C-alpha atoms as a PDB file:
ATOM      1  CA  MET A   1      11.962 -44.196 -44.017  1.00  0.00           C
ATOM      2  CA  SER A   2      14.881 -45.378 -41.847  1.00  0.00           C
ATOM      3  CA  GLY A   3      16.045 -43.563 -38.750  1.00  0.00           C
ATOM      4  CA  LEU A   4      19.101 -42.032 -40.419  1.00  0.00           C
ATOM      5  CA  SER A   5      17.233 -40.920 -43.525  1.00  0.00           C
ATOM      6  CA  LEU A   6      14.459 -39.444 -41.353  1.00  0.00           C
ATOM      7  CA  LEU A   7      17.042 -37.468 -39.386  1.00  0.00           C
ATOM      8  CA  ALA A   8      18.603 -36.155 -42.607  1.00  0.00           C
ATOM      9  CA  ALA A   9      15.174 -35.221 -43.944  1.00  0.00           C
ATOM     10  CA  LEU A  10      14.276 -33.385 -40.731  1.00  0.00           C
ATOM     11  CA  LYS A  11      17.557 -31.473 -40.880  1.00  0.00           C
ATOM     12  CA  ALA A  12      16.779 -30.480 -44.461  1.00  0.00           C
ATOM     13  CA  PHE A  13      13.308 -29.308 -43.422  1.00  0.00           C
ATOM     14  CA  ASP A  14      14.624 -27.387 -40.406  1.00  0.00           C
ATOM     15  CA  ALA A  15      17.322 -25.631 -42.434  1.00  0.00           C
ATOM     16  CA  THR A  16      14.861 -24.746 -45.212  1.00  0.00           C
ATOM     17  CA  ALA A  17      12.307 -23.366 -42.759  1.00  0.00           C
ATOM     18  CA  ARG A  18      14.931 -21.154 -41.107  1.00  0.00           C
ATOM     19  CA  ALA A  19      16.763 -20.082 -44.254  1.00  0.00           C
ATOM     20  CA  GLY A  20      13.617 -19.462 -46.294  1.00  0.00           C
ATOM     21  CA  SER A  21      14.643 -21.449 -49.362  1.00  0.00           C
ATOM     22  CA  MET A  22      16.040 -24.833 -50.322  1.00  0.00           C
ATOM     23  CA  THR A  23      19.006 -23.208 -52.038  1.00  0.00           C
ATOM     24  CA  ALA A  24      19.978 -21.350 -48.861  1.00  0.00           C
ATOM     25  CA  ALA A  25      19.402 -24.500 -46.800  1.00  0.00           C
ATOM     26  CA  ALA A  26      21.705 -26.453 -49.116  1.00  0.00           C
ATOM     27  CA  ARG A  27      24.478 -23.936 -48.470  1.00  0.00           C
ATOM     28  CA  VAL A  28      23.964 -24.199 -44.718  1.00  0.00           C
ATOM     29  CA  LEU A  29      24.038 -28.003 -44.799  1.00  0.00           C
ATOM     30  CA  ALA A  30      26.826 -28.161 -47.423  1.00  0.00           C
ATOM     31  CA  ILE A  31      24.805 -30.448 -49.706  1.00  0.00           C
ATOM     32  CA  GLN A  32      23.192 -30.073 -53.120  1.00  0.00           C
ATOM     33  CA  GLN A  33      19.854 -28.281 -53.504  1.00  0.00           C
ATOM     34  CA  PRO A  34      18.177 -31.290 -55.227  1.00  0.00           C
ATOM     35  CA  THR A  35      19.087 -33.375 -52.163  1.00  0.00           C
ATOM     36  CA  VAL A  36      17.310 -30.921 -49.889  1.00  0.00           C
ATOM     37  CA  SER A  37      14.277 -30.939 -52.177  1.00  0.00           C
ATOM     38  CA  SER A  38      14.260 -34.750 -52.246  1.00  0.00           C
ATOM     39  CA  HIS A  39      14.409 -34.971 -48.442  1.00  0.00           C
ATOM     40  CA  ILE A  40      11.451 -32.631 -48.001  1.00  0.00           C
ATOM     41  CA  GLN A  41       9.440 -34.393 -50.698  1.00  0.00           C
ATOM     42  CA  ARG A  42      10.051 -37.743 -48.990  1.00  0.00           C
ATOM     43  CA  LEU A  43       8.750 -36.336 -45.692  1.00  0.00           C
ATOM     44  CA  GLU A  44       5.595 -35.020 -47.333  1.00  0.00           C
ATOM     45  CA  VAL A  45       4.907 -38.185 -49.328  1.00  0.00           C
ATOM     46  CA  ASP A  46       5.804 -40.763 -46.672  1.00  0.00           C
ATOM     47  CA  PHE A  47       3.785 -39.056 -43.923  1.00  0.00           C
ATOM     48  CA  GLY A  48       1.016 -37.530 -46.029  1.00  0.00           C
ATOM     49  CA  VAL A  49       1.630 -33.961 -44.886  1.00  0.00           C
ATOM     50  CA  GLU A  50       2.213 -30.595 -46.516  1.00  0.00           C
ATOM     51  CA  LEU A  51       5.124 -28.683 -44.991  1.00  0.00           C
ATOM     52  CA  PHE A  52       5.368 -25.639 -47.246  1.00  0.00           C
ATOM     53  CA  HIS A  53       3.130 -23.541 -49.426  1.00  0.00           C
ATOM     54  CA  ARG A  54       4.933 -22.880 -52.717  1.00  0.00           C
ATOM     55  CA  ARG A  55       4.508 -19.217 -53.738  1.00  0.00           C
ATOM     56  CA  GLY A  56       6.596 -19.177 -56.910  1.00  0.00           C
ATOM     57  CA  ARG A  57      10.165 -19.310 -55.644  1.00  0.00           C
ATOM     58  CA  ARG A  58       9.085 -18.376 -52.149  1.00  0.00           C
ATOM     59  CA  LEU A  59       8.261 -20.964 -49.487  1.00  0.00           C
ATOM     60  CA  GLU A  60       5.853 -20.402 -46.594  1.00  0.00           C
ATOM     61  CA  LEU A  61       5.407 -22.840 -43.733  1.00  0.00           C
ATOM     62  CA  THR A  62       2.016 -24.482 -43.441  1.00  0.00           C
ATOM     63  CA  SER A  63       0.344 -24.719 -40.054  1.00  0.00           C
ATOM     64  CA  PHE A  64       1.665 -28.291 -39.708  1.00  0.00           C
ATOM     65  CA  GLY A  65       5.095 -27.120 -40.845  1.00  0.00           C
ATOM     66  CA  ARG A  66       5.227 -24.473 -38.092  1.00  0.00           C
ATOM     67  CA  THR A  67       4.342 -27.102 -35.510  1.00  0.00           C
ATOM     68  CA  LEU A  68       7.038 -29.457 -36.797  1.00  0.00           C
ATOM     69  CA  LEU A  69       9.577 -26.621 -36.757  1.00  0.00           C
ATOM     70  CA  ASN A  70       8.988 -26.159 -33.018  1.00  0.00           C
ATOM     71  CA  TYR A  71      10.110 -29.754 -32.505  1.00  0.00           C
ATOM     72  CA  THR A  72      13.056 -29.699 -34.911  1.00  0.00           C
ATOM     73  CA  ARG A  73      14.358 -26.453 -33.376  1.00  0.00           C
ATOM     74  CA  ARG A  74      14.438 -28.076 -29.947  1.00  0.00           C
ATOM     75  CA  THR A  75      16.326 -31.032 -31.359  1.00  0.00           C
ATOM     76  CA  PHE A  76      18.855 -29.296 -33.577  1.00  0.00           C
ATOM     77  CA  SER A  77      19.513 -26.243 -31.417  1.00  0.00           C
ATOM     78  CA  GLY A  78      20.763 -28.670 -28.785  1.00  0.00           C
ATOM     79  CA  GLU A  79      23.031 -30.238 -31.378  1.00  0.00           C
ATOM     80  CA  GLU A  80      24.315 -26.790 -32.376  1.00  0.00           C
ATOM     81  CA  ASP A  81      25.012 -25.921 -28.745  1.00  0.00           C
ATOM     82  CA  ALA A  82      26.934 -29.188 -28.327  1.00  0.00           C
ATOM     83  CA  HIS A  83      29.041 -28.300 -31.372  1.00  0.00           C
ATOM     84  CA  ALA A  84      29.620 -24.844 -29.902  1.00  0.00           C
ATOM     85  CA  LEU A  85      30.764 -26.362 -26.601  1.00  0.00           C
ATOM     86  CA  LEU A  86      33.246 -28.649 -28.361  1.00  0.00           C
ATOM     87  CA  ALA A  87      34.481 -25.793 -30.540  1.00  0.00           C
ATOM     88  CA  ALA A  88      34.893 -23.625 -27.445  1.00  0.00           C
ATOM     89  CA  ALA A  89      37.016 -26.265 -25.745  1.00  0.00           C
ATOM     90  CA  LYS A  90      39.215 -26.583 -28.839  1.00  0.00           C
ATOM     91  CA  ASN A  91      39.401 -22.987 -30.026  1.00  0.00           C
ATOM     92  CA  GLN A  92      39.045 -20.916 -26.831  1.00  0.00           C
ATOM     93  CA  TYR A  93      35.540 -19.753 -27.708  1.00  0.00           C
ATOM     94  CA  VAL A  94      34.701 -18.917 -31.260  1.00  0.00           C
ATOM     95  CA  GLY A  95      31.328 -18.614 -32.907  1.00  0.00           C
ATOM     96  CA  ARG A  96      28.464 -16.157 -33.213  1.00  0.00           C
ATOM     97  CA  LEU A  97      26.167 -14.658 -30.587  1.00  0.00           C
ATOM     98  CA  VAL A  98      22.894 -13.009 -31.653  1.00  0.00           C
ATOM     99  CA  ILE A  99      21.396 -10.549 -29.175  1.00  0.00           C
ATOM    100  CA  HIS A 100      18.087  -8.691 -29.376  1.00  0.00           C
ATOM    101  CA  ALA A 101      17.753  -5.662 -27.099  1.00  0.00           C
ATOM    102  CA  ILE A 102      15.228  -2.929 -26.330  1.00  0.00           C
ATOM    103  CA  GLY A 103      17.993  -0.386 -26.901  1.00  0.00           C
ATOM    104  CA  PRO A 104      21.762   0.050 -26.721  1.00  0.00           C
ATOM    105  CA  HIS A 105      22.033   1.818 -23.372  1.00  0.00           C
ATOM    106  CA  ASN A 106      21.886  -1.146 -21.000  1.00  0.00           C
ATOM    107  CA  VAL A 107      23.403  -3.825 -23.198  1.00  0.00           C
ATOM    108  CA  LEU A 108      26.564  -1.954 -24.255  1.00  0.00           C
ATOM    109  CA  PRO A 109      28.444  -2.277 -20.912  1.00  0.00           C
ATOM    110  CA  VAL A 110      27.977  -6.064 -21.066  1.00  0.00           C
ATOM    111  CA  LEU A 111      28.931  -6.184 -24.737  1.00  0.00           C
ATOM    112  CA  LYS A 112      32.097  -4.222 -24.004  1.00  0.00           C
ATOM    113  CA  LEU A 113      33.224  -6.789 -21.439  1.00  0.00           C
ATOM    114  CA  PHE A 114      32.234  -9.756 -23.583  1.00  0.00           C
ATOM    115  CA  MET A 115      33.972  -8.504 -26.731  1.00  0.00           C
ATOM    116  CA  LYS A 116      37.126  -7.631 -24.788  1.00  0.00           C
ATOM    117  CA  GLN A 117      37.377 -11.160 -23.399  1.00  0.00           C
ATOM    118  CA  PHE A 118      36.262 -12.961 -26.576  1.00  0.00           C
ATOM    119  CA  PRO A 119      37.278 -10.839 -29.576  1.00  0.00           C
ATOM    120  CA  GLN A 120      37.050 -13.825 -31.912  1.00  0.00           C
ATOM    121  CA  VAL A 121      33.298 -14.215 -31.335  1.00  0.00           C
ATOM    122  CA  ASN A 122      31.085 -12.520 -33.916  1.00  0.00           C
ATOM    123  CA  VAL A 123      28.293 -10.580 -32.159  1.00  0.00           C
ATOM    124  CA  ALA A 124      25.139  -9.316 -33.863  1.00  0.00           C
ATOM    125  CA  VAL A 125      22.672  -6.996 -32.076  1.00  0.00           C
ATOM    126  CA  GLY A 126      19.099  -6.279 -33.153  1.00  0.00           C
ATOM    127  CA  VAL A 127      16.810  -3.680 -31.573  1.00  0.00           C
ATOM    128  CA  GLY A 128      13.058  -3.998 -30.975  1.00  0.00           C
ATOM    129  CA  ASP A 129      10.356  -3.860 -28.336  1.00  0.00           C
ATOM    130  CA  SER A 130      10.066  -6.404 -25.530  1.00  0.00           C
ATOM    131  CA  ARG A 131       7.206  -8.345 -27.120  1.00  0.00           C
ATOM    132  CA  THR A 132       8.989  -8.773 -30.458  1.00  0.00           C
ATOM    133  CA  ILE A 133      12.251  -9.719 -28.764  1.00  0.00           C
ATOM    134  CA  THR A 134      10.526 -12.372 -26.653  1.00  0.00           C
ATOM    135  CA  GLU A 135       8.949 -13.885 -29.770  1.00  0.00           C
ATOM    136  CA  LYS A 136      12.329 -13.978 -31.524  1.00  0.00           C
ATOM    137  CA  ILE A 137      14.022 -15.750 -28.623  1.00  0.00           C
ATOM    138  CA  LEU A 138      11.217 -18.293 -28.357  1.00  0.00           C
ATOM    139  CA  ASP A 139      11.453 -18.861 -32.127  1.00  0.00           C
ATOM    140  CA  TYR A 140      15.239 -19.466 -31.964  1.00  0.00           C
ATOM    141  CA  GLN A 141      15.899 -16.293 -33.964  1.00  0.00           C
ATOM    142  CA  GLY A 142      18.426 -15.120 -31.386  1.00  0.00           C
ATOM    143  CA  ASP A 143      20.465 -16.346 -28.447  1.00  0.00           C
ATOM    144  CA  VAL A 144      19.887 -13.701 -25.763  1.00  0.00           C
ATOM    145  CA  GLY A 145      17.205 -11.042 -25.385  1.00  0.00           C
ATOM    146  CA  MET A 146      17.191  -7.910 -23.243  1.00  0.00           C
ATOM    147  CA  VAL A 147      13.611  -6.956 -22.324  1.00  0.00           C
ATOM    148  CA  LEU A 148      11.694  -4.871 -19.830  1.00  0.00           C
ATOM    149  CA  ASN A 149      10.038  -6.553 -16.853  1.00  0.00           C
ATOM    150  CA  HIS A 150       9.707 -10.236 -16.104  1.00  0.00           C
ATOM    151  CA  VAL A 151       8.554 -12.525 -18.908  1.00  0.00           C
ATOM    152  CA  ALA A 152       6.531 -15.397 -17.472  1.00  0.00           C
ATOM    153  CA  HIS A 153       6.911 -18.234 -19.965  1.00  0.00           C
ATOM    154  CA  PRO A 154       7.701 -21.895 -19.229  1.00  0.00           C
ATOM    155  CA  ASP A 155      10.270 -22.081 -22.042  1.00  0.00           C
ATOM    156  CA  LEU A 156      12.254 -19.002 -20.993  1.00  0.00           C
ATOM    157  CA  PHE A 157      15.088 -18.486 -18.525  1.00  0.00           C
ATOM    158  CA  GLY A 158      15.273 -14.943 -17.150  1.00  0.00           C
ATOM    159  CA  ALA A 159      17.849 -13.004 -15.135  1.00  0.00           C
ATOM    160  CA  ALA A 160      17.129  -9.597 -13.589  1.00  0.00           C
ATOM    161  CA  TYR A 161      19.651  -6.949 -14.616  1.00  0.00           C
ATOM    162  CA  ARG A 162      18.696  -3.517 -13.272  1.00  0.00           C
ATOM    163  CA  THR A 163      15.830  -1.224 -12.278  1.00  0.00           C
ATOM    164  CA  GLN A 164      15.430   2.019 -14.218  1.00  0.00           C
ATOM    165  CA  ARG A 165      13.217   4.962 -13.279  1.00  0.00           C
ATOM    166  CA  LEU A 166      10.936   6.546 -15.831  1.00  0.00           C
ATOM    167  CA  VAL A 167      11.290  10.272 -16.426  1.00  0.00           C
ATOM    168  CA  ILE A 168       8.967  12.808 -18.048  1.00  0.00           C
ATOM    169  CA  PHE A 169      10.630  15.318 -20.349  1.00  0.00           C
ATOM    170  CA  GLY A 170       9.591  18.194 -22.574  1.00  0.00           C
ATOM    171  CA  ASN A 171      10.682  21.057 -24.773  1.00  0.00           C
ATOM    172  CA  THR A 172      12.357  23.846 -22.804  1.00  0.00           C
ATOM    173  CA  GLN A 173       9.529  26.197 -23.845  1.00  0.00           C
ATOM    174  CA  HIS A 174       6.776  23.934 -22.498  1.00  0.00           C
ATOM    175  CA  PRO A 175       4.745  25.658 -19.713  1.00  0.00           C
ATOM    176  CA  LEU A 176       5.530  22.885 -17.232  1.00  0.00           C
ATOM    177  CA  ALA A 177       9.262  23.175 -17.913  1.00  0.00           C
ATOM    178  CA  GLN A 178       9.373  26.395 -15.902  1.00  0.00           C
ATOM    179  CA  ARG A 179       8.261  24.715 -12.664  1.00  0.00           C
ATOM    180  CA  ALA A 180      10.805  23.318 -10.201  1.00  0.00           C
ATOM    181  CA  THR A 181       8.675  20.365  -9.094  1.00  0.00           C
ATOM    182  CA  LEU A 182       5.412  18.828 -10.189  1.00  0.00           C
ATOM    183  CA  LYS A 183       2.831  16.371  -8.954  1.00  0.00           C
ATOM    184  CA  LEU A 184       1.574  13.612 -11.206  1.00  0.00           C
ATOM    185  CA  ARG A 185      -1.845  15.285 -11.304  1.00  0.00           C
ATOM    186  CA  ASP A 186      -0.197  18.286 -12.993  1.00  0.00           C
ATOM    187  CA  LEU A 187       0.011  16.130 -16.129  1.00  0.00           C
ATOM    188  CA  GLN A 188      -3.796  16.073 -16.374  1.00  0.00           C
ATOM    189  CA  GLY A 189      -4.864  16.858 -19.940  1.00  0.00           C
ATOM    190  CA  GLN A 190      -1.306  17.269 -21.244  1.00  0.00           C
ATOM    191  CA  ARG A 191      -0.418  16.160 -24.766  1.00  0.00           C
ATOM    192  CA  PHE A 192       2.092  13.304 -24.966  1.00  0.00           C
ATOM    193  CA  VAL A 193       4.274  11.839 -27.693  1.00  0.00           C
ATOM    194  CA  ILE A 194       4.452   8.158 -26.867  1.00  0.00           C
ATOM    195  CA  ARG A 195       5.763   4.845 -28.136  1.00  0.00           C
ATOM    196  CA  GLU A 196       3.523   2.485 -30.080  1.00  0.00           C
ATOM    197  CA  GLU A 197       1.408  -0.275 -28.493  1.00  0.00           C
ATOM    198  CA  GLY A 198       3.682  -3.035 -27.196  1.00  0.00           C
ATOM    199  CA  SER A 199       6.096  -0.679 -25.465  1.00  0.00           C
ATOM    200  CA  THR A 200       6.597  -1.699 -21.825  1.00  0.00           C
ATOM    201  CA  THR A 201       7.496   1.875 -20.891  1.00  0.00           C
ATOM    202  CA  ARG A 202       4.158   3.019 -22.276  1.00  0.00           C
ATOM    203  CA  ARG A 203       2.283   0.264 -20.439  1.00  0.00           C
ATOM    204  CA  VAL A 204       3.886   1.113 -17.076  1.00  0.00           C
ATOM    205  CA  PHE A 205       3.236   4.846 -17.584  1.00  0.00           C
ATOM    206  CA  GLU A 206      -0.399   4.354 -18.568  1.00  0.00           C
ATOM    207  CA  GLN A 207      -0.975   1.954 -15.671  1.00  0.00           C
ATOM    208  CA  GLU A 208       0.361   4.531 -13.211  1.00  0.00           C
ATOM    209  CA  LEU A 209      -1.894   7.221 -14.686  1.00  0.00           C
ATOM    210  CA  LYS A 210      -4.922   4.933 -14.507  1.00  0.00           C
ATOM    211  CA  GLU A 211      -4.274   3.987 -10.880  1.00  0.00           C
ATOM    212  CA  ARG A 212      -3.885   7.654  -9.933  1.00  0.00           C
ATOM    213  CA  GLY A 213      -6.896   8.877 -11.915  1.00  0.00           C
ATOM    214  CA  VAL A 214      -4.869  11.101 -14.246  1.00  0.00           C
ATOM    215  CA  GLU A 215      -5.850  11.396 -17.906  1.00  0.00           C
ATOM    216  CA  VAL A 216      -3.496  12.631 -20.632  1.00  0.00           C
ATOM    217  CA  GLN A 217      -3.892  12.985 -24.377  1.00  0.00           C
ATOM    218  CA  VAL A 218      -1.868  10.730 -26.637  1.00  0.00           C
ATOM    219  CA  ALA A 219      -1.200  13.294 -29.353  1.00  0.00           C
ATOM    220  CA  LEU A 220       1.290  11.254 -31.371  1.00  0.00           C
ATOM    221  CA  GLU A 221       2.556   7.668 -31.472  1.00  0.00           C
ATOM    222  CA  MET A 222       6.099   7.042 -32.690  1.00  0.00           C
ATOM    223  CA  GLY A 223       7.911   3.825 -33.527  1.00  0.00           C
ATOM    224  CA  SER A 224      11.209   4.474 -31.764  1.00  0.00           C
ATOM    225  CA  ARG A 225      12.692   6.202 -28.739  1.00  0.00           C
ATOM    226  CA  GLU A 226      14.711   8.524 -30.981  1.00  0.00           C
ATOM    227  CA  SER A 227      11.569   9.570 -32.864  1.00  0.00           C
ATOM    228  CA  VAL A 228       9.805  10.372 -29.604  1.00  0.00           C
ATOM    229  CA  ARG A 229      12.716  12.546 -28.503  1.00  0.00           C
ATOM    230  CA  GLU A 230      12.756  14.525 -31.743  1.00  0.00           C
ATOM    231  CA  ALA A 231       8.990  15.068 -31.685  1.00  0.00           C
ATOM    232  CA  VAL A 232       9.162  16.295 -28.088  1.00  0.00           C
ATOM    233  CA  ALA A 233      12.065  18.579 -28.997  1.00  0.00           C
ATOM    234  CA  GLU A 234       9.848  20.089 -31.708  1.00  0.00           C
ATOM    235  CA  GLY A 235       7.220  20.902 -29.082  1.00  0.00           C
ATOM    236  CA  LEU A 236       4.630  18.314 -30.138  1.00  0.00           C
ATOM    237  CA  GLY A 237       4.040  17.115 -26.588  1.00  0.00           C
ATOM    238  CA  LEU A 238       5.702  15.692 -23.484  1.00  0.00           C
ATOM    239  CA  GLY A 239       7.512  12.366 -23.538  1.00  0.00           C
ATOM    240  CA  VAL A 240       8.320   9.513 -21.143  1.00  0.00           C
ATOM    241  CA  VAL A 241      11.477   7.411 -21.244  1.00  0.00           C
ATOM    242  CA  ALA A 242      13.678   5.310 -19.000  1.00  0.00           C
ATOM    243  CA  GLU A 243      16.233   7.493 -17.222  1.00  0.00           C
ATOM    244  CA  THR A 244      19.094   5.376 -18.602  1.00  0.00           C
ATOM    245  CA  ALA A 245      17.909   6.151 -22.147  1.00  0.00           C
ATOM    246  CA  TYR A 246      17.464   9.902 -21.645  1.00  0.00           C
ATOM    247  CA  ARG A 247      20.139  11.914 -23.410  1.00  0.00           C
ATOM    248  CA  PRO A 248      20.759  15.599 -22.525  1.00  0.00           C
ATOM    249  CA  ASP A 249      19.786  17.990 -25.297  1.00  0.00           C
ATOM    250  CA  PRO A 250      19.713  21.818 -25.194  1.00  0.00           C
ATOM    251  CA  ARG A 251      16.156  21.659 -26.555  1.00  0.00           C
ATOM    252  CA  LEU A 252      14.895  19.381 -23.765  1.00  0.00           C
ATOM    253  CA  VAL A 253      14.436  19.407 -20.015  1.00  0.00           C
ATOM    254  CA  LYS A 254      13.537  16.642 -17.535  1.00  0.00           C
ATOM    255  CA  LEU A 255      10.491  17.384 -15.385  1.00  0.00           C
ATOM    256  CA  THR A 256      10.725  16.567 -11.691  1.00  0.00           C
ATOM    257  CA  ILE A 257       7.627  14.592 -10.619  1.00  0.00           C
ATOM    258  CA  SER A 258       7.863  14.350  -6.834  1.00  0.00           C
ATOM    259  CA  ASP A 259       5.093  11.881  -6.054  1.00  0.00           C
ATOM    260  CA  THR A 260       5.740   8.909  -8.351  1.00  0.00           C
ATOM    261  CA  SER A 261       8.318   6.134  -8.562  1.00  0.00           C
ATOM    262  CA  MET A 262       7.462   4.677 -11.966  1.00  0.00           C
ATOM    263  CA  ALA A 263      10.126   2.200 -13.059  1.00  0.00           C
ATOM    264  CA  THR A 264      10.792  -0.762 -15.277  1.00  0.00           C
ATOM    265  CA  GLN A 265      13.012  -3.775 -14.627  1.00  0.00           C
ATOM    266  CA  VAL A 266      15.500  -4.817 -17.289  1.00  0.00           C
ATOM    267  CA  HIS A 267      15.879  -8.590 -17.734  1.00  0.00           C
ATOM    268  CA  PHE A 268      18.025 -10.800 -19.917  1.00  0.00           C
ATOM    269  CA  ILE A 269      16.244 -13.854 -21.325  1.00  0.00           C
ATOM    270  CA  CYS A 270      17.074 -16.939 -23.343  1.00  0.00           C
ATOM    271  CA  ARG A 271      15.435 -20.265 -24.014  1.00  0.00           C
ATOM    272  CA  LYS A 272      15.509 -22.345 -20.826  1.00  0.00           C
ATOM    273  CA  GLU A 273      17.235 -25.341 -22.374  1.00  0.00           C
ATOM    274  CA  ARG A 274      19.998 -23.103 -23.768  1.00  0.00           C
ATOM    275  CA  HIS A 275      21.034 -21.028 -20.753  1.00  0.00           C
ATOM    276  CA  GLN A 276      24.038 -23.308 -20.141  1.00  0.00           C
ATOM    277  CA  ALA A 277      25.207 -23.116 -23.768  1.00  0.00           C
ATOM    278  CA  PRO A 278      28.808 -21.781 -23.666  1.00  0.00           C
ATOM    279  CA  LEU A 279      28.496 -18.295 -25.164  1.00  0.00           C
ATOM    280  CA  ILE A 280      25.064 -17.654 -23.661  1.00  0.00           C
ATOM    281  CA  SER A 281      26.196 -18.729 -20.195  1.00  0.00           C
ATOM    282  CA  ILE A 282      29.286 -16.516 -20.369  1.00  0.00           C
ATOM    283  CA  PHE A 283      27.286 -13.506 -21.552  1.00  0.00           C
ATOM    284  CA  LEU A 284      24.707 -13.909 -18.767  1.00  0.00           C
ATOM    285  CA  GLY A 285      27.505 -14.262 -16.226  1.00  0.00           C
ATOM    286  CA  LEU A 286      29.057 -10.996 -17.381  1.00  0.00           C
ATOM    287  CA  ALA A 287      25.627  -9.323 -17.269  1.00  0.00           C
ATOM    288  CA  HIS A 288      25.314 -10.415 -13.641  1.00  0.00           C
ATOM    289  CA  SER A 289      28.717  -8.966 -12.759  1.00  0.00           C
ATOM    290  CA  VAL A 290      27.796  -5.634 -14.394  1.00  0.00           C
ATOM    291  CA  SER A 291      24.457  -5.558 -12.584  1.00  0.00           C
ATOM    292  CA  GLN A 292      26.240  -6.002  -9.220  1.00  0.00           C
ATOM    293  CA  LYS A 293      28.374  -2.914  -9.914  1.00  0.00           C
ATOM    294  CA  ILE A 294      25.444  -0.680 -10.875  1.00  0.00           C
ATOM    295  CA  ALA A 295      23.015  -1.931  -8.213  1.00  0.00           C
END
């Protein structure tokens, strides 16, 4: 297989792996579906490998295919960023920016600035926990991630954004809600509604309790911050949330814990080799300017 045909075949593989089907890959590459199929077949035959498991019409990457995708993503994401840079120079920044965030509260001020300056850029925002977001950014399933606390990974570029205190809150009828101030030990034995495993807020809270010798009961695990709030409002237990994400509600009250400074650090991340890509670089620059104002 010649160099040019190998490159075309790798592009066909990369597009198929990301799009999930050869038909979708053909649309992305603006070629015919049989051409995509032929390219992938040539790769498998010429190199004696299996890239996909065929499950009817569905394709699943083999172990070798996932490894190859790591290499093709590095190659072709750079090409895509180069195209974006040239398009930016010609068209005053157009394109699409995909952001994954732990929630809307911290990312919206940056989005507001970005969309005001670059209204022609299409922005998509997904919400998840820090672990899932990090995996998506590493897997090229997004451009920028907003996560809690520093992510130590050799392939990631990170920029600190802001520190946010954690607050304990409860239903207004909860016995502790009647007290002006509390100590952390006053939470001993209390029932809590808490986020699922993988939540950085939960990890920081539980670490603080462990270090201080305080034990609480995890009465209920919920999959989102909004679900936790509603369960707490219904009196199912106390909750813990970042102060920036706490929303006043006549059913709820924040508890004042005088002897703790639990906090998380919000970071923006992207793949290291992409942090100078035009739209990513601009977004991170705006995030820095916002962080200076709220520091």
